[in-house]
Amino acid sequence: MFTAVVTGTHITVWVISALIAVGIGCSKYSKYKSREKMVRDLAAMDPEQREKLLGRLQPKLQIEIREELMKRFRTKTDL
């Protein structure tokens, strides 16, 4: 018959793995919330100011935010 022996090492590995998973989850959630806030703030700006601010961002991030603005707020941005 199979007997599982749980040692302190097993428990330590599981605890460390759980802490890493929680840390990654919190990081992704924080990034999501800040991106949502940025998109809402950009939607509320006048078009000139929005384009000026978008022009300062990295190209990949610009595209993602422009797509989100179009999808959620039907806001036209110059591509």
N, C-alpha and C. Protein backbone atom coordinates (compact mmCIF):
# COMPACT_ATOMS: atom_id res chain seq x y z
N MET A 1 0.84 -1.17 0.00
CA MET A 1 0.00 0.00 0.00
C MET A 1 0.89 1.24 0.00
N PHE A 2 0.40 2.28 -0.67
CA PHE A 2 1.15 3.53 -0.82
C PHE A 2 0.91 4.44 0.38
N THR A 3 2.00 4.90 0.98
CA THR A 3 1.89 5.84 2.10
C THR A 3 2.60 7.13 1.72
N ALA A 4 1.88 8.21 1.84
CA ALA A 4 2.46 9.52 1.52
C ALA A 4 2.99 10.14 2.81
N VAL A 5 4.22 10.51 2.75
CA VAL A 5 4.85 11.15 3.90
C VAL A 5 5.05 12.62 3.53
N VAL A 6 4.43 13.47 4.30
CA VAL A 6 4.56 14.90 4.07
C VAL A 6 5.60 15.43 5.04
N THR A 7 6.66 15.95 4.48
CA THR A 7 7.74 16.45 5.32
C THR A 7 7.68 17.97 5.35
N GLY A 8 8.51 18.53 6.16
CA GLY A 8 8.60 19.98 6.26
C GLY A 8 9.02 20.61 4.94
N THR A 9 9.83 19.89 4.18
CA THR A 9 10.27 20.39 2.88
C THR A 9 9.10 20.52 1.93
N HIS A 10 8.21 19.53 1.92
CA HIS A 10 7.03 19.58 1.06
C HIS A 10 6.16 20.78 1.41
N ILE A 11 5.93 20.96 2.68
CA ILE A 11 5.10 22.08 3.14
C ILE A 11 5.74 23.41 2.76
N THR A 12 7.04 23.51 2.94
CA THR A 12 7.75 24.74 2.60
C THR A 12 7.63 25.05 1.12
N VAL A 13 7.81 24.05 0.27
CA VAL A 13 7.70 24.24 -1.18
C VAL A 13 6.30 24.70 -1.55
N TRP A 14 5.27 24.08 -0.96
CA TRP A 14 3.90 24.48 -1.27
C TRP A 14 3.59 25.89 -0.80
N VAL A 15 4.08 26.26 0.37
CA VAL A 15 3.85 27.61 0.88
C VAL A 15 4.54 28.64 -0.01
N ILE A 16 5.78 28.38 -0.39
CA ILE A 16 6.50 29.30 -1.27
C ILE A 16 5.80 29.41 -2.62
N SER A 17 5.34 28.30 -3.17
CA SER A 17 4.62 28.32 -4.45
C SER A 17 3.33 29.13 -4.34
N ALA A 18 2.62 28.98 -3.25
CA ALA A 18 1.38 29.73 -3.05
C ALA A 18 1.67 31.23 -2.94
N LEU A 19 2.72 31.60 -2.23
CA LEU A 19 3.07 33.01 -2.09
C LEU A 19 3.47 33.62 -3.44
N ILE A 20 4.20 32.87 -4.24
CA ILE A 20 4.57 33.35 -5.58
C ILE A 20 3.33 33.53 -6.44
N ALA A 21 2.42 32.58 -6.39
CA ALA A 21 1.19 32.67 -7.17
C ALA A 21 0.35 33.87 -6.76
N VAL A 22 0.25 34.12 -5.46
CA VAL A 22 -0.50 35.28 -4.97
C VAL A 22 0.18 36.57 -5.43
N GLY A 23 1.49 36.61 -5.36
CA GLY A 23 2.23 37.80 -5.81
C GLY A 23 2.02 38.09 -7.28
N ILE A 24 2.06 37.06 -8.11
CA ILE A 24 1.83 37.24 -9.54
C ILE A 24 0.40 37.70 -9.80
N GLY A 25 -0.54 37.11 -9.10
CA GLY A 25 -1.94 37.51 -9.26
C GLY A 25 -2.17 38.96 -8.87
N CYS A 26 -1.59 39.38 -7.76
CA CYS A 26 -1.74 40.77 -7.32
C CYS A 26 -1.12 41.73 -8.31
N SER A 27 0.02 41.35 -8.86
CA SER A 27 0.71 42.18 -9.84
C SER A 27 -0.14 42.36 -11.10
N LYS A 28 -0.69 41.27 -11.60
CA LYS A 28 -1.52 41.34 -12.81
C LYS A 28 -2.80 42.14 -12.54
N TYR A 29 -3.41 41.97 -11.38
CA TYR A 29 -4.61 42.72 -11.04
C TYR A 29 -4.32 44.21 -10.95
N SER A 30 -3.19 44.55 -10.35
CA SER A 30 -2.80 45.96 -10.23
C SER A 30 -2.58 46.57 -11.61
N LYS A 31 -1.92 45.83 -12.49
CA LYS A 31 -1.68 46.31 -13.85
C LYS A 31 -3.01 46.50 -14.58
N TYR A 32 -3.94 45.58 -14.41
CA TYR A 32 -5.25 45.67 -15.04
C TYR A 32 -6.00 46.91 -14.55
N LYS A 33 -6.00 47.12 -13.24
CA LYS A 33 -6.73 48.26 -12.67
C LYS A 33 -6.13 49.58 -13.13
N SER A 34 -4.80 49.68 -13.18
CA SER A 34 -4.18 50.94 -13.61
C SER A 34 -4.44 51.18 -15.10
N ARG A 35 -4.45 50.12 -15.90
CA ARG A 35 -4.76 50.28 -17.33
C ARG A 35 -6.20 50.74 -17.51
N GLU A 36 -7.13 50.17 -16.73
CA GLU A 36 -8.53 50.59 -16.82
C GLU A 36 -8.70 52.06 -16.46
N LYS A 37 -8.00 52.49 -15.41
CA LYS A 37 -8.08 53.89 -15.00
C LYS A 37 -7.52 54.79 -16.09
N MET A 38 -6.41 54.39 -16.71
CA MET A 38 -5.81 55.19 -17.76
C MET A 38 -6.76 55.33 -18.95
N VAL A 39 -7.41 54.24 -19.33
CA VAL A 39 -8.34 54.27 -20.46
C VAL A 39 -9.52 55.19 -20.15
N ARG A 40 -10.06 55.12 -18.94
CA ARG A 40 -11.17 56.00 -18.56
C ARG A 40 -10.74 57.46 -18.58
N ASP A 41 -9.55 57.74 -18.05
CA ASP A 41 -9.05 59.11 -18.04
C ASP A 41 -8.82 59.63 -19.45
N LEU A 42 -8.28 58.79 -20.33
CA LEU A 42 -8.06 59.21 -21.72
C LEU A 42 -9.37 59.46 -22.45
N ALA A 43 -10.38 58.67 -22.16
CA ALA A 43 -11.68 58.85 -22.80
C ALA A 43 -12.30 60.18 -22.38
N ALA A 44 -12.00 60.65 -21.18
CA ALA A 44 -12.58 61.89 -20.68
C ALA A 44 -11.83 63.13 -21.20
N MET A 45 -10.63 62.96 -21.73
CA MET A 45 -9.83 64.09 -22.21
C MET A 45 -10.34 64.60 -23.56
N ASP A 46 -9.94 65.83 -23.88
CA ASP A 46 -10.25 66.32 -25.22
C ASP A 46 -9.27 65.65 -26.19
N PRO A 47 -9.66 65.51 -27.47
CA PRO A 47 -8.88 64.73 -28.43
C PRO A 47 -7.42 65.18 -28.60
N GLU A 48 -7.15 66.47 -28.61
CA GLU A 48 -5.77 66.95 -28.77
C GLU A 48 -4.88 66.50 -27.62
N GLN A 49 -5.38 66.68 -26.43
CA GLN A 49 -4.61 66.30 -25.24
C GLN A 49 -4.41 64.78 -25.20
N ARG A 50 -5.43 64.02 -25.58
CA ARG A 50 -5.34 62.56 -25.59
C ARG A 50 -4.27 62.10 -26.57
N GLU A 51 -4.25 62.68 -27.78
CA GLU A 51 -3.25 62.30 -28.78
C GLU A 51 -1.85 62.64 -28.32
N LYS A 52 -1.69 63.78 -27.67
CA LYS A 52 -0.38 64.19 -27.17
C LYS A 52 0.13 63.19 -26.13
N LEU A 53 -0.77 62.79 -25.22
CA LEU A 53 -0.39 61.83 -24.18
C LEU A 53 -0.12 60.45 -24.77
N LEU A 54 -0.96 60.01 -25.71
CA LEU A 54 -0.75 58.70 -26.34
C LEU A 54 0.56 58.67 -27.12
N GLY A 55 0.96 59.80 -27.69
CA GLY A 55 2.20 59.86 -28.45
C GLY A 55 3.43 59.61 -27.60
N ARG A 56 3.34 59.80 -26.31
CA ARG A 56 4.47 59.59 -25.40
C ARG A 56 4.63 58.14 -24.97
N LEU A 57 3.62 57.32 -25.22
CA LEU A 57 3.65 55.93 -24.76
C LEU A 57 4.40 55.04 -25.75
N GLN A 58 4.75 53.85 -25.29
CA GLN A 58 5.40 52.87 -26.16
C GLN A 58 4.40 52.44 -27.25
N PRO A 59 4.89 52.16 -28.46
CA PRO A 59 3.99 51.84 -29.58
C PRO A 59 3.01 50.69 -29.29
N LYS A 60 3.49 49.63 -28.66
CA LYS A 60 2.61 48.49 -28.36
C LYS A 60 1.49 48.91 -27.41
N LEU A 61 1.84 49.68 -26.39
CA LEU A 61 0.85 50.15 -25.43
C LEU A 61 -0.12 51.12 -26.09
N GLN A 62 0.38 51.97 -26.98
CA GLN A 62 -0.48 52.90 -27.72
C GLN A 62 -1.57 52.14 -28.46
N ILE A 63 -1.18 51.11 -29.18
CA ILE A 63 -2.13 50.33 -29.97
C ILE A 63 -3.17 49.68 -29.08
N GLU A 64 -2.73 49.08 -27.97
CA GLU A 64 -3.67 48.43 -27.05
C GLU A 64 -4.67 49.42 -26.49
N ILE A 65 -4.19 50.60 -26.09
CA ILE A 65 -5.09 51.58 -25.49
C ILE A 65 -6.03 52.16 -26.54
N ARG A 66 -5.54 52.42 -27.75
CA ARG A 66 -6.40 52.92 -28.82
C ARG A 66 -7.51 51.91 -29.14
N GLU A 67 -7.15 50.63 -29.21
CA GLU A 67 -8.16 49.60 -29.47
C GLU A 67 -9.19 49.55 -28.35
N GLU A 68 -8.73 49.66 -27.11
CA GLU A 68 -9.66 49.64 -25.97
C GLU A 68 -10.59 50.86 -26.00
N LEU A 69 -10.05 52.02 -26.35
CA LEU A 69 -10.88 53.23 -26.45
C LEU A 69 -11.93 53.06 -27.53
N MET A 70 -11.54 52.51 -28.67
CA MET A 70 -12.49 52.30 -29.76
C MET A 70 -13.58 51.30 -29.35
N LYS A 71 -13.16 50.22 -28.71
CA LYS A 71 -14.09 49.15 -28.35
C LYS A 71 -15.07 49.60 -27.27
N ARG A 72 -14.55 50.20 -26.21
CA ARG A 72 -15.41 50.51 -25.06
C ARG A 72 -16.13 51.84 -25.15
N PHE A 73 -15.46 52.84 -25.72
CA PHE A 73 -16.04 54.19 -25.69
C PHE A 73 -16.35 54.73 -27.07
N ARG A 74 -16.06 53.95 -28.12
CA ARG A 74 -16.26 54.38 -29.48
C ARG A 74 -15.60 55.74 -29.73
N THR A 75 -14.43 55.91 -29.15
CA THR A 75 -13.66 57.13 -29.26
C THR A 75 -12.71 57.01 -30.44
N LYS A 76 -12.78 57.95 -31.36
CA LYS A 76 -11.90 57.91 -32.52
C LYS A 76 -10.54 58.50 -32.14
N THR A 77 -9.48 57.78 -32.46
CA THR A 77 -8.14 58.28 -32.26
C THR A 77 -7.41 58.16 -33.59
N ASP A 78 -6.47 59.02 -33.83
CA ASP A 78 -5.70 58.97 -35.07
C ASP A 78 -4.72 57.82 -35.00
N LEU A 79 -4.77 56.93 -35.97
CA LEU A 79 -3.86 55.79 -35.99
C LEU A 79 -2.73 56.01 -36.91
